[in-house]
Amino acid sequence: MNDSLNDSQYDGDYDDEVCEKDSVVKFGSIAVPVFFSVVIALSLTGNILVLVILALYENLKSLTNIFILNLAISDLFFTTGLPFWAIYHVWGWVFSEALCKIVTFVFFTGFYSSVLFLTIMTIYRYMAVAHPLSSLSSQRVSTGVFASVLLWMISVIAAMPSLLYSSIISIPHKGEHSQGCEYEIPIWKSIGISQQNIFFLVAFAVMAFCYIQILWRIRSTRSQRKNRAVKLVFCIVAVFFLGWVPYNVVIFLRTLADDSEAPSEDCEESIRLEYAFYVCRLIAFSHCCLNPVFYAFVGVKFRSHLKSMLHRMFIRQSPVEEQQTRVQPFSRGSMY
């Protein structure tokens, strides 16, 4: 993703002396802002709704709820960068250099924290199924707080290069120049790409191991609650990787194309790769608005809390119902 928000994301769209890509640039200037607008609206609505439901109806004595809280915050961090990248595709970077650094840093912090919290949620599900008596599966609040602080620190450190080395640069296109928000030192672009790949490979390996073990151990169990919890986390993780893996493959292919001196007859193939890049990026960036959808469809308690909240908002309750509602927030367990 470093490639997407820096050199490889935009300079390939603006300038290619061998192959003109005006049609691709025009497609991006229309499709990206429209699609991002929908994603932003859904992400803000869904993730804020998750935070409200957690605050009103759930306590944070469940490790799962703590991780869901942090995942929603991660998605909101990621979402804050989308309006700026949407504007970027239409007019280039029209903001200050300080805002370039801040937006890129917050955006990457949201991305890395999402990967880490999805990984820790998978590990926790594995520990709860395979080692129910372990310290991690005992659902101590202190464990969740410590893990959350640690993962946010790692995310901040991983995103720090974007804060330190992102800058406004001039991007040529047909004799004109526009401003871009990118790494000004090529080596940091390479470091960012490598860092992203390492995150994905490690997370994929951990999650694959955990879910193979989980599926092996629950194959004979009939616990609906345990299976539902595993199903929810699996759906969230699966959609995340189905969205991001194709995108990173396209980034890798674009990097190879940039490093090689492709002949002019490869123009059509290069254009197809650019279209694939746009489509895969739109799918990948939409992950921030999909997690609340899975809570609603898979999480029974989430649906129940949502109905209760809407009922309280639009239908006046009797004194008995209000008293029952005030008792509900202190129910134990996770938001499943």
C-alpha atoms as a PDB file:
ATOM      1  CA  MET A   1       0.000   0.000   0.000  1.00  0.00           C
ATOM      2  CA  ASN A   2       2.954   2.331   0.378  1.00  0.00           C
ATOM      3  CA  ASP A   3       3.216   1.962  -3.351  1.00  0.00           C
ATOM      4  CA  SER A   4      -0.411   2.943  -3.738  1.00  0.00           C
ATOM      5  CA  LEU A   5      -0.266   6.209  -1.861  1.00  0.00           C
ATOM      6  CA  ASN A   6       3.119   7.255  -3.029  1.00  0.00           C
ATOM      7  CA  ASP A   7       5.183   6.989  -6.176  1.00  0.00           C
ATOM      8  CA  SER A   8       3.495   4.050  -7.809  1.00  0.00           C
ATOM      9  CA  GLN A   9      -0.029   5.171  -7.119  1.00  0.00           C
ATOM     10  CA  TYR A  10       0.067   8.507  -8.824  1.00  0.00           C
ATOM     11  CA  ASP A  11       3.096   9.142 -10.987  1.00  0.00           C
ATOM     12  CA  GLY A  12       2.165   6.213 -13.219  1.00  0.00           C
ATOM     13  CA  ASP A  13      -1.172   7.924 -13.739  1.00  0.00           C
ATOM     14  CA  TYR A  14       0.317  11.275 -14.668  1.00  0.00           C
ATOM     15  CA  ASP A  15       3.265  10.580 -16.899  1.00  0.00           C
ATOM     16  CA  ASP A  16       4.375   7.856 -19.227  1.00  0.00           C
ATOM     17  CA  GLU A  17       6.415   9.115 -22.166  1.00  0.00           C
ATOM     18  CA  VAL A  18       6.019   5.841 -24.046  1.00  0.00           C
ATOM     19  CA  CYS A  19       2.377   5.069 -23.372  1.00  0.00           C
ATOM     20  CA  GLU A  20      -0.380   7.649 -22.989  1.00  0.00           C
ATOM     21  CA  LYS A  21      -2.873   6.708 -20.282  1.00  0.00           C
ATOM     22  CA  ASP A  22      -5.322   9.592 -20.447  1.00  0.00           C
ATOM     23  CA  SER A  23      -8.286   7.192 -20.465  1.00  0.00           C
ATOM     24  CA  VAL A  24      -7.023   5.533 -17.279  1.00  0.00           C
ATOM     25  CA  VAL A  25      -6.459   8.885 -15.565  1.00  0.00           C
ATOM     26  CA  LYS A  26      -9.955  10.025 -16.560  1.00  0.00           C
ATOM     27  CA  PHE A  27     -11.441   6.782 -15.270  1.00  0.00           C
ATOM     28  CA  GLY A  28      -9.640   7.242 -11.943  1.00  0.00           C
ATOM     29  CA  SER A  29     -10.676  10.896 -11.591  1.00  0.00           C
ATOM     30  CA  ILE A  30     -14.340   9.849 -11.865  1.00  0.00           C
ATOM     31  CA  ALA A  31     -14.519   6.365 -10.327  1.00  0.00           C
ATOM     32  CA  VAL A  32     -12.251   6.965  -7.316  1.00  0.00           C
ATOM     33  CA  PRO A  33     -14.031  10.045  -5.850  1.00  0.00           C
ATOM     34  CA  VAL A  34     -17.486   8.529  -6.409  1.00  0.00           C
ATOM     35  CA  PHE A  35     -16.584   5.157  -4.913  1.00  0.00           C
ATOM     36  CA  PHE A  36     -14.642   6.663  -2.021  1.00  0.00           C
ATOM     37  CA  SER A  37     -17.600   8.911  -1.173  1.00  0.00           C
ATOM     38  CA  VAL A  38     -19.810   5.849  -0.740  1.00  0.00           C
ATOM     39  CA  VAL A  39     -17.149   4.016   1.278  1.00  0.00           C
ATOM     40  CA  ILE A  40     -16.592   7.037   3.537  1.00  0.00           C
ATOM     41  CA  ALA A  41     -20.308   7.397   4.267  1.00  0.00           C
ATOM     42  CA  LEU A  42     -20.753   3.688   5.008  1.00  0.00           C
ATOM     43  CA  SER A  43     -17.569   3.429   7.072  1.00  0.00           C
ATOM     44  CA  LEU A  44     -18.368   6.440   9.250  1.00  0.00           C
ATOM     45  CA  THR A  45     -21.943   5.282   9.788  1.00  0.00           C
ATOM     46  CA  GLY A  46     -21.104   1.631  10.448  1.00  0.00           C
ATOM     47  CA  ASN A  47     -18.016   2.017  12.621  1.00  0.00           C
ATOM     48  CA  ILE A  48     -19.444   4.856  14.712  1.00  0.00           C
ATOM     49  CA  LEU A  49     -22.523   2.684  15.202  1.00  0.00           C
ATOM     50  CA  VAL A  50     -20.269  -0.130  16.446  1.00  0.00           C
ATOM     51  CA  LEU A  51     -18.627   2.225  18.949  1.00  0.00           C
ATOM     52  CA  VAL A  52     -22.005   3.503  20.162  1.00  0.00           C
ATOM     53  CA  ILE A  53     -23.380  -0.011  20.627  1.00  0.00           C
ATOM     54  CA  LEU A  54     -20.264  -1.053  22.515  1.00  0.00           C
ATOM     55  CA  ALA A  55     -20.609   1.990  24.778  1.00  0.00           C
ATOM     56  CA  LEU A  56     -24.345   1.581  25.436  1.00  0.00           C
ATOM     57  CA  TYR A  57     -24.887  -2.168  25.532  1.00  0.00           C
ATOM     58  CA  GLU A  58     -21.581  -3.921  26.165  1.00  0.00           C
ATOM     59  CA  ASN A  59     -18.871  -3.785  28.774  1.00  0.00           C
ATOM     60  CA  LEU A  60     -15.214  -4.076  27.866  1.00  0.00           C
ATOM     61  CA  LYS A  61     -14.449  -7.028  30.130  1.00  0.00           C
ATOM     62  CA  SER A  62     -14.396  -9.214  27.017  1.00  0.00           C
ATOM     63  CA  LEU A  63     -11.162  -9.337  25.050  1.00  0.00           C
ATOM     64  CA  THR A  64     -13.167  -9.710  21.860  1.00  0.00           C
ATOM     65  CA  ASN A  65     -15.065  -6.486  22.541  1.00  0.00           C
ATOM     66  CA  ILE A  66     -11.798  -4.681  23.263  1.00  0.00           C
ATOM     67  CA  PHE A  67     -10.370  -5.853  19.955  1.00  0.00           C
ATOM     68  CA  ILE A  68     -13.579  -4.968  18.081  1.00  0.00           C
ATOM     69  CA  LEU A  69     -13.413  -1.494  19.621  1.00  0.00           C
ATOM     70  CA  ASN A  70      -9.838  -1.038  18.416  1.00  0.00           C
ATOM     71  CA  LEU A  71     -10.624  -2.469  14.985  1.00  0.00           C
ATOM     72  CA  ALA A  72     -13.453   0.047  14.550  1.00  0.00           C
ATOM     73  CA  ILE A  73     -11.088   2.859  15.545  1.00  0.00           C
ATOM     74  CA  SER A  74      -8.504   1.522  13.063  1.00  0.00           C
ATOM     75  CA  ASP A  75     -11.104   1.557  10.297  1.00  0.00           C
ATOM     76  CA  LEU A  76     -12.024   5.147  11.169  1.00  0.00           C
ATOM     77  CA  PHE A  77      -8.346   6.143  11.050  1.00  0.00           C
ATOM     78  CA  PHE A  78      -8.060   4.519   7.636  1.00  0.00           C
ATOM     79  CA  THR A  79     -11.233   6.269   6.465  1.00  0.00           C
ATOM     80  CA  THR A  80      -9.943   9.745   7.338  1.00  0.00           C
ATOM     81  CA  GLY A  81      -7.403   9.538   4.514  1.00  0.00           C
ATOM     82  CA  LEU A  82      -9.911   8.640   1.793  1.00  0.00           C
ATOM     83  CA  PRO A  83     -11.353  12.160   1.226  1.00  0.00           C
ATOM     84  CA  PHE A  84      -7.845  13.507   0.645  1.00  0.00           C
ATOM     85  CA  TRP A  85      -6.925  10.739  -1.803  1.00  0.00           C
ATOM     86  CA  ALA A  86     -10.232  11.276  -3.635  1.00  0.00           C
ATOM     87  CA  ILE A  87      -9.417  14.974  -4.080  1.00  0.00           C
ATOM     88  CA  TYR A  88      -5.853  14.008  -5.030  1.00  0.00           C
ATOM     89  CA  HIS A  89      -7.156  12.027  -8.012  1.00  0.00           C
ATOM     90  CA  VAL A  90      -9.019  15.058  -9.360  1.00  0.00           C
ATOM     91  CA  TRP A  91      -6.734  18.027  -8.657  1.00  0.00           C
ATOM     92  CA  GLY A  92      -3.481  16.605  -7.329  1.00  0.00           C
ATOM     93  CA  TRP A  93      -2.304  17.468  -3.825  1.00  0.00           C
ATOM     94  CA  VAL A  94      -3.787  20.901  -3.082  1.00  0.00           C
ATOM     95  CA  PHE A  95      -3.084  20.892   0.664  1.00  0.00           C
ATOM     96  CA  SER A  96      -0.033  21.825   2.724  1.00  0.00           C
ATOM     97  CA  GLU A  97       3.040  19.680   3.197  1.00  0.00           C
ATOM     98  CA  ALA A  98       2.260  19.319   6.908  1.00  0.00           C
ATOM     99  CA  LEU A  99      -1.165  17.928   6.039  1.00  0.00           C
ATOM    100  CA  CYS A 100       0.464  15.595   3.507  1.00  0.00           C
ATOM    101  CA  LYS A 101       2.591  14.105   6.280  1.00  0.00           C
ATOM    102  CA  ILE A 102      -0.236  13.917   8.820  1.00  0.00           C
ATOM    103  CA  VAL A 103      -2.823  12.397   6.476  1.00  0.00           C
ATOM    104  CA  THR A 104      -0.404   9.787   5.166  1.00  0.00           C
ATOM    105  CA  PHE A 105       0.729   8.918   8.695  1.00  0.00           C
ATOM    106  CA  VAL A 106      -2.829   8.541  10.063  1.00  0.00           C
ATOM    107  CA  PHE A 107      -3.872   6.551   7.010  1.00  0.00           C
ATOM    108  CA  PHE A 108      -1.015   4.061   7.331  1.00  0.00           C
ATOM    109  CA  THR A 109      -1.470   3.842  11.087  1.00  0.00           C
ATOM    110  CA  GLY A 110      -5.062   2.785  10.456  1.00  0.00           C
ATOM    111  CA  PHE A 111      -3.984   0.239   7.891  1.00  0.00           C
ATOM    112  CA  TYR A 112      -1.250  -1.400   9.968  1.00  0.00           C
ATOM    113  CA  SER A 113      -3.374  -1.421  13.110  1.00  0.00           C
ATOM    114  CA  SER A 114      -6.195  -3.141  11.170  1.00  0.00           C
ATOM    115  CA  VAL A 115      -3.821  -5.909  10.116  1.00  0.00           C
ATOM    116  CA  LEU A 116      -2.509  -6.322  13.652  1.00  0.00           C
ATOM    117  CA  PHE A 117      -5.918  -6.334  15.366  1.00  0.00           C
ATOM    118  CA  LEU A 118      -7.301  -8.821  12.850  1.00  0.00           C
ATOM    119  CA  THR A 119      -4.296 -11.012  13.595  1.00  0.00           C
ATOM    120  CA  ILE A 120      -4.678 -10.762  17.367  1.00  0.00           C
ATOM    121  CA  MET A 121      -8.428 -11.472  17.094  1.00  0.00           C
ATOM    122  CA  THR A 122      -7.608 -14.636  15.158  1.00  0.00           C
ATOM    123  CA  ILE A 123      -4.988 -15.655  17.724  1.00  0.00           C
ATOM    124  CA  TYR A 124      -7.469 -15.064  20.546  1.00  0.00           C
ATOM    125  CA  ARG A 125     -10.121 -17.172  18.812  1.00  0.00           C
ATOM    126  CA  TYR A 126      -7.524 -19.932  18.399  1.00  0.00           C
ATOM    127  CA  MET A 127      -6.500 -19.735  22.068  1.00  0.00           C
ATOM    128  CA  ALA A 128     -10.141 -19.759  23.213  1.00  0.00           C
ATOM    129  CA  VAL A 129     -10.835 -22.907  21.180  1.00  0.00           C
ATOM    130  CA  ALA A 130      -7.546 -24.794  21.469  1.00  0.00           C
ATOM    131  CA  HIS A 131      -6.328 -23.648  24.905  1.00  0.00           C
ATOM    132  CA  PRO A 132      -9.369 -22.444  26.876  1.00  0.00           C
ATOM    133  CA  LEU A 133      -7.492 -22.448  30.190  1.00  0.00           C
ATOM    134  CA  SER A 134      -4.593 -20.274  28.995  1.00  0.00           C
ATOM    135  CA  SER A 135      -4.023 -16.746  30.332  1.00  0.00           C
ATOM    136  CA  LEU A 136      -4.969 -15.150  27.005  1.00  0.00           C
ATOM    137  CA  SER A 137      -8.332 -16.882  26.869  1.00  0.00           C
ATOM    138  CA  SER A 138      -9.158 -15.880  30.455  1.00  0.00           C
ATOM    139  CA  GLN A 139     -10.426 -12.509  29.123  1.00  0.00           C
ATOM    140  CA  ARG A 140      -8.621 -10.251  31.553  1.00  0.00           C
ATOM    141  CA  VAL A 141      -9.120  -6.565  30.877  1.00  0.00           C
ATOM    142  CA  SER A 142      -5.466  -5.867  31.600  1.00  0.00           C
ATOM    143  CA  THR A 143      -4.474  -8.341  28.877  1.00  0.00           C
ATOM    144  CA  GLY A 144      -6.641  -6.575  26.324  1.00  0.00           C
ATOM    145  CA  VAL A 145      -5.389  -3.118  27.295  1.00  0.00           C
ATOM    146  CA  PHE A 146      -1.744  -4.209  27.183  1.00  0.00           C
ATOM    147  CA  ALA A 147      -2.180  -5.925  23.806  1.00  0.00           C
ATOM    148  CA  SER A 148      -4.026  -2.906  22.385  1.00  0.00           C
ATOM    149  CA  VAL A 149      -1.377  -0.421  23.517  1.00  0.00           C
ATOM    150  CA  LEU A 150       1.390  -2.648  22.152  1.00  0.00           C
ATOM    151  CA  LEU A 151      -0.275  -3.056  18.761  1.00  0.00           C
ATOM    152  CA  TRP A 152      -0.939   0.676  18.436  1.00  0.00           C
ATOM    153  CA  MET A 153       2.702   1.371  19.249  1.00  0.00           C
ATOM    154  CA  ILE A 154       3.822  -1.062  16.547  1.00  0.00           C
ATOM    155  CA  SER A 155       1.409   0.530  14.072  1.00  0.00           C
ATOM    156  CA  VAL A 156       2.683   4.030  14.846  1.00  0.00           C
ATOM    157  CA  ILE A 157       6.299   2.918  14.445  1.00  0.00           C
ATOM    158  CA  ALA A 158       5.498   1.166  11.152  1.00  0.00           C
ATOM    159  CA  ALA A 159       3.772   4.308   9.832  1.00  0.00           C
ATOM    160  CA  MET A 160       6.454   6.706  11.099  1.00  0.00           C
ATOM    161  CA  PRO A 161       8.473   6.777   7.816  1.00  0.00           C
ATOM    162  CA  SER A 162       5.433   8.243   6.048  1.00  0.00           C
ATOM    163  CA  LEU A 163       5.378  11.064   8.601  1.00  0.00           C
ATOM    164  CA  LEU A 164       9.095  11.758   8.378  1.00  0.00           C
ATOM    165  CA  TYR A 165       9.759  11.324   4.664  1.00  0.00           C
ATOM    166  CA  SER A 166       6.518  12.178   2.836  1.00  0.00           C
ATOM    167  CA  SER A 167       6.680  15.482   1.028  1.00  0.00           C
ATOM    168  CA  ILE A 168       5.080  17.508  -1.759  1.00  0.00           C
ATOM    169  CA  ILE A 169       6.815  16.888  -5.058  1.00  0.00           C
ATOM    170  CA  SER A 170       6.262  18.075  -8.618  1.00  0.00           C
ATOM    171  CA  ILE A 171       4.801  15.514 -11.041  1.00  0.00           C
ATOM    172  CA  PRO A 172       5.172  16.246 -14.784  1.00  0.00           C
ATOM    173  CA  HIS A 173       2.387  15.455 -17.239  1.00  0.00           C
ATOM    174  CA  LYS A 174       2.304  16.606 -20.861  1.00  0.00           C
ATOM    175  CA  GLY A 175       4.495  19.621 -20.294  1.00  0.00           C
ATOM    176  CA  GLU A 176       2.624  20.641 -17.165  1.00  0.00           C
ATOM    177  CA  HIS A 177       3.226  19.915 -13.496  1.00  0.00           C
ATOM    178  CA  SER A 178       0.945  18.988 -10.625  1.00  0.00           C
ATOM    179  CA  GLN A 179       1.727  18.445  -6.963  1.00  0.00           C
ATOM    180  CA  GLY A 180       1.924  15.025  -5.386  1.00  0.00           C
ATOM    181  CA  CYS A 181       2.193  13.770  -1.818  1.00  0.00           C
ATOM    182  CA  GLU A 182       4.840  11.055  -1.907  1.00  0.00           C
ATOM    183  CA  TYR A 183       8.083   9.782  -0.441  1.00  0.00           C
ATOM    184  CA  GLU A 184      10.803  12.152  -1.596  1.00  0.00           C
ATOM    185  CA  ILE A 185      13.549   9.513  -1.123  1.00  0.00           C
ATOM    186  CA  PRO A 186      13.190   6.389  -3.345  1.00  0.00           C
ATOM    187  CA  ILE A 187      14.769   4.095  -0.761  1.00  0.00           C
ATOM    188  CA  TRP A 188      11.899   4.754   1.639  1.00  0.00           C
ATOM    189  CA  LYS A 189       9.429   3.764  -1.058  1.00  0.00           C
ATOM    190  CA  SER A 190      11.203   0.392  -1.320  1.00  0.00           C
ATOM    191  CA  ILE A 191      11.312   0.050   2.455  1.00  0.00           C
ATOM    192  CA  GLY A 192       7.599   0.793   2.675  1.00  0.00           C
ATOM    193  CA  ILE A 193       6.709  -1.832   0.072  1.00  0.00           C
ATOM    194  CA  SER A 194       8.902  -4.433   1.770  1.00  0.00           C
ATOM    195  CA  GLN A 195       7.409  -3.575   5.156  1.00  0.00           C
ATOM    196  CA  GLN A 196       3.879  -4.006   3.852  1.00  0.00           C
ATOM    197  CA  ASN A 197       4.739  -7.359   2.288  1.00  0.00           C
ATOM    198  CA  ILE A 198       6.298  -8.561   5.533  1.00  0.00           C
ATOM    199  CA  PHE A 199       3.194  -7.547   7.491  1.00  0.00           C
ATOM    200  CA  PHE A 200       0.971  -9.443   5.092  1.00  0.00           C
ATOM    201  CA  LEU A 201       3.098 -12.553   4.908  1.00  0.00           C
ATOM    202  CA  VAL A 202       3.453 -12.822   8.685  1.00  0.00           C
ATOM    203  CA  ALA A 203      -0.246 -12.094   9.278  1.00  0.00           C
ATOM    204  CA  PHE A 204      -1.290 -14.569   6.602  1.00  0.00           C
ATOM    205  CA  ALA A 205       0.921 -17.306   8.020  1.00  0.00           C
ATOM    206  CA  VAL A 206      -0.365 -16.758  11.571  1.00  0.00           C
ATOM    207  CA  MET A 207      -4.019 -16.620  10.535  1.00  0.00           C
ATOM    208  CA  ALA A 208      -3.729 -19.652   8.259  1.00  0.00           C
ATOM    209  CA  PHE A 209      -2.190 -21.705  11.063  1.00  0.00           C
ATOM    210  CA  CYS A 210      -4.805 -20.563  13.594  1.00  0.00           C
ATOM    211  CA  TYR A 211      -7.800 -21.283  11.388  1.00  0.00           C
ATOM    212  CA  ILE A 212      -6.540 -24.681  10.308  1.00  0.00           C
ATOM    213  CA  GLN A 213      -6.206 -25.569  13.991  1.00  0.00           C
ATOM    214  CA  ILE A 214      -9.601 -24.034  14.836  1.00  0.00           C
ATOM    215  CA  LEU A 215     -11.441 -25.885  12.076  1.00  0.00           C
ATOM    216  CA  TRP A 216      -9.757 -29.118  13.132  1.00  0.00           C
ATOM    217  CA  ARG A 217     -10.784 -28.719  16.755  1.00  0.00           C
ATOM    218  CA  ILE A 218     -14.390 -27.529  16.306  1.00  0.00           C
ATOM    219  CA  ARG A 219     -15.301 -30.025  13.582  1.00  0.00           C
ATOM    220  CA  SER A 220     -17.161 -32.134  16.141  1.00  0.00           C
ATOM    221  CA  THR A 221     -18.469 -29.414  18.448  1.00  0.00           C
ATOM    222  CA  ARG A 222     -22.045 -28.172  18.368  1.00  0.00           C
ATOM    223  CA  SER A 223     -21.578 -25.015  20.384  1.00  0.00           C
ATOM    224  CA  GLN A 224     -23.480 -22.393  18.386  1.00  0.00           C
ATOM    225  CA  ARG A 225     -21.952 -19.488  20.273  1.00  0.00           C
ATOM    226  CA  LYS A 226     -18.377 -20.688  19.761  1.00  0.00           C
ATOM    227  CA  ASN A 227     -18.986 -21.462  16.080  1.00  0.00           C
ATOM    228  CA  ARG A 228     -20.658 -18.089  15.580  1.00  0.00           C
ATOM    229  CA  ALA A 229     -17.700 -16.262  17.112  1.00  0.00           C
ATOM    230  CA  VAL A 230     -15.254 -18.164  14.923  1.00  0.00           C
ATOM    231  CA  LYS A 231     -17.435 -17.519  11.869  1.00  0.00           C
ATOM    232  CA  LEU A 232     -17.515 -13.762  12.486  1.00  0.00           C
ATOM    233  CA  VAL A 233     -13.761 -13.399  12.883  1.00  0.00           C
ATOM    234  CA  PHE A 234     -13.170 -15.683   9.903  1.00  0.00           C
ATOM    235  CA  CYS A 235     -15.478 -13.610   7.676  1.00  0.00           C
ATOM    236  CA  ILE A 236     -13.762 -10.357   8.668  1.00  0.00           C
ATOM    237  CA  VAL A 237     -10.289 -11.786   8.071  1.00  0.00           C
ATOM    238  CA  ALA A 238     -11.275 -13.513   4.812  1.00  0.00           C
ATOM    239  CA  VAL A 239     -12.759 -10.358   3.297  1.00  0.00           C
ATOM    240  CA  PHE A 240      -9.735  -8.332   4.378  1.00  0.00           C
ATOM    241  CA  PHE A 241      -7.341 -10.666   2.607  1.00  0.00           C
ATOM    242  CA  LEU A 242      -9.556 -11.227  -0.440  1.00  0.00           C
ATOM    243  CA  GLY A 243      -9.541  -7.472  -0.887  1.00  0.00           C
ATOM    244  CA  TRP A 244      -5.893  -6.727  -0.180  1.00  0.00           C
ATOM    245  CA  VAL A 245      -4.072  -9.716  -1.709  1.00  0.00           C
ATOM    246  CA  PRO A 246      -5.096  -8.972  -5.346  1.00  0.00           C
ATOM    247  CA  TYR A 247      -4.261  -5.327  -4.776  1.00  0.00           C
ATOM    248  CA  ASN A 248      -0.778  -6.135  -3.531  1.00  0.00           C
ATOM    249  CA  VAL A 249      -0.225  -8.545  -6.422  1.00  0.00           C
ATOM    250  CA  VAL A 250      -1.067  -5.734  -8.849  1.00  0.00           C
ATOM    251  CA  ILE A 251       1.283  -3.390  -6.986  1.00  0.00           C
ATOM    252  CA  PHE A 252       4.039  -5.977  -7.325  1.00  0.00           C
ATOM    253  CA  LEU A 253       3.378  -6.341 -11.067  1.00  0.00           C
ATOM    254  CA  ARG A 254       3.414  -2.556 -11.519  1.00  0.00           C
ATOM    255  CA  THR A 255       6.711  -2.349  -9.662  1.00  0.00           C
ATOM    256  CA  LEU A 256       8.215  -4.945 -11.991  1.00  0.00           C
ATOM    257  CA  ALA A 257       6.900  -3.022 -14.984  1.00  0.00           C
ATOM    258  CA  ASP A 258       8.372   0.228 -13.673  1.00  0.00           C
ATOM    259  CA  ASP A 259      11.758  -1.376 -13.073  1.00  0.00           C
ATOM    260  CA  SER A 260      11.932  -2.877 -16.568  1.00  0.00           C
ATOM    261  CA  GLU A 261      12.296  -0.908 -19.763  1.00  0.00           C
ATOM    262  CA  ALA A 262       9.102  -2.071 -21.440  1.00  0.00           C
ATOM    263  CA  PRO A 263       8.852  -1.541 -25.214  1.00  0.00           C
ATOM    264  CA  SER A 264       6.119   0.649 -26.639  1.00  0.00           C
ATOM    265  CA  GLU A 265       4.169  -2.348 -27.970  1.00  0.00           C
ATOM    266  CA  ASP A 266       3.427  -3.289 -24.332  1.00  0.00           C
ATOM    267  CA  CYS A 267       1.274  -0.178 -23.982  1.00  0.00           C
ATOM    268  CA  GLU A 268      -2.012  -2.076 -24.124  1.00  0.00           C
ATOM    269  CA  GLU A 269      -0.862  -4.495 -21.438  1.00  0.00           C
ATOM    270  CA  SER A 270       0.294  -1.568 -19.281  1.00  0.00           C
ATOM    271  CA  ILE A 271      -3.106   0.111 -19.624  1.00  0.00           C
ATOM    272  CA  ARG A 272      -4.872  -3.106 -18.605  1.00  0.00           C
ATOM    273  CA  LEU A 273      -2.608  -3.297 -15.571  1.00  0.00           C
ATOM    274  CA  GLU A 274      -3.528   0.279 -14.643  1.00  0.00           C
ATOM    275  CA  TYR A 275      -7.247  -0.511 -14.848  1.00  0.00           C
ATOM    276  CA  ALA A 276      -6.705  -3.627 -12.733  1.00  0.00           C
ATOM    277  CA  PHE A 277      -4.833  -1.460 -10.233  1.00  0.00           C
ATOM    278  CA  TYR A 278      -7.736   0.967  -9.920  1.00  0.00           C
ATOM    279  CA  VAL A 279     -10.341  -1.773  -9.527  1.00  0.00           C
ATOM    280  CA  CYS A 280      -8.301  -3.756  -6.988  1.00  0.00           C
ATOM    281  CA  ARG A 281      -7.566  -0.607  -5.004  1.00  0.00           C
ATOM    282  CA  LEU A 282     -11.245   0.345  -4.825  1.00  0.00           C
ATOM    283  CA  ILE A 283     -12.092  -3.142  -3.556  1.00  0.00           C
ATOM    284  CA  ALA A 284      -9.238  -3.132  -1.039  1.00  0.00           C
ATOM    285  CA  PHE A 285     -10.009   0.310   0.354  1.00  0.00           C
ATOM    286  CA  SER A 286     -13.659  -0.643   0.889  1.00  0.00           C
ATOM    287  CA  HIS A 287     -12.687  -3.057   3.698  1.00  0.00           C
ATOM    288  CA  CYS A 288     -13.078  -0.282   6.279  1.00  0.00           C
ATOM    289  CA  CYS A 289     -16.857  -0.191   5.754  1.00  0.00           C
ATOM    290  CA  LEU A 290     -17.437  -3.967   5.573  1.00  0.00           C
ATOM    291  CA  ASN A 291     -16.629  -5.046   9.137  1.00  0.00           C
ATOM    292  CA  PRO A 292     -19.840  -3.544  10.639  1.00  0.00           C
ATOM    293  CA  VAL A 293     -21.817  -5.409   7.966  1.00  0.00           C
ATOM    294  CA  PHE A 294     -20.461  -8.715   9.259  1.00  0.00           C
ATOM    295  CA  TYR A 295     -21.260  -7.739  12.835  1.00  0.00           C
ATOM    296  CA  ALA A 296     -24.862  -7.156  11.720  1.00  0.00           C
ATOM    297  CA  PHE A 297     -25.251 -10.364   9.728  1.00  0.00           C
ATOM    298  CA  VAL A 298     -23.252 -12.763  11.905  1.00  0.00           C
ATOM    299  CA  GLY A 299     -23.404 -11.201  15.366  1.00  0.00           C
ATOM    300  CA  VAL A 300     -26.756 -12.021  16.948  1.00  0.00           C
ATOM    301  CA  LYS A 301     -26.174  -9.752  19.952  1.00  0.00           C
ATOM    302  CA  PHE A 302     -25.129  -6.895  17.672  1.00  0.00           C
ATOM    303  CA  ARG A 303     -28.410  -7.142  15.758  1.00  0.00           C
ATOM    304  CA  SER A 304     -30.325  -7.272  19.017  1.00  0.00           C
ATOM    305  CA  HIS A 305     -28.534  -4.199  20.366  1.00  0.00           C
ATOM    306  CA  LEU A 306     -29.093  -2.333  17.112  1.00  0.00           C
ATOM    307  CA  LYS A 307     -32.819  -3.062  17.225  1.00  0.00           C
ATOM    308  CA  SER A 308     -32.972  -1.929  20.844  1.00  0.00           C
ATOM    309  CA  MET A 309     -31.177   1.318  20.046  1.00  0.00           C
ATOM    310  CA  LEU A 310     -33.414   2.093  17.073  1.00  0.00           C
ATOM    311  CA  HIS A 311     -36.441   1.245  19.204  1.00  0.00           C
ATOM    312  CA  ARG A 312     -35.276   3.686  21.883  1.00  0.00           C
ATOM    313  CA  MET A 313     -34.636   6.397  19.284  1.00  0.00           C
ATOM    314  CA  PHE A 314     -37.933   6.223  17.395  1.00  0.00           C
ATOM    315  CA  ILE A 315     -40.430   4.583  19.748  1.00  0.00           C
ATOM    316  CA  ARG A 316     -41.189   5.862  23.226  1.00  0.00           C
ATOM    317  CA  GLN A 317     -40.694   3.118  25.804  1.00  0.00           C
ATOM    318  CA  SER A 318     -42.712   2.340  28.866  1.00  0.00           C
ATOM    319  CA  PRO A 319     -41.056   2.762  32.294  1.00  0.00           C
ATOM    320  CA  VAL A 320     -40.659  -1.029  32.579  1.00  0.00           C
ATOM    321  CA  GLU A 321     -38.929  -1.258  29.175  1.00  0.00           C
ATOM    322  CA  GLU A 322     -36.610   1.640  30.049  1.00  0.00           C
ATOM    323  CA  GLN A 323     -35.621  -0.115  33.274  1.00  0.00           C
ATOM    324  CA  GLN A 324     -34.886  -3.337  31.347  1.00  0.00           C
ATOM    325  CA  THR A 325     -32.824  -1.444  28.785  1.00  0.00           C
ATOM    326  CA  ARG A 326     -30.680   0.121  31.489  1.00  0.00           C
ATOM    327  CA  VAL A 327     -29.876  -3.345  32.786  1.00  0.00           C
ATOM    328  CA  GLN A 328     -28.838  -4.700  29.365  1.00  0.00           C
ATOM    329  CA  PRO A 329     -25.562  -2.764  28.962  1.00  0.00           C
ATOM    330  CA  PHE A 330     -23.987  -4.764  31.756  1.00  0.00           C
ATOM    331  CA  SER A 331     -24.532  -8.156  30.168  1.00  0.00           C
ATOM    332  CA  ARG A 332     -21.365 -10.201  30.114  1.00  0.00           C
ATOM    333  CA  GLY A 333     -19.682 -11.689  27.111  1.00  0.00           C
ATOM    334  CA  SER A 334     -18.683 -10.472  23.662  1.00  0.00           C
ATOM    335  CA  MET A 335     -20.777  -8.748  21.036  1.00  0.00           C
ATOM    336  CA  TYR A 336     -21.794 -11.999  19.349  1.00  0.00           C
END
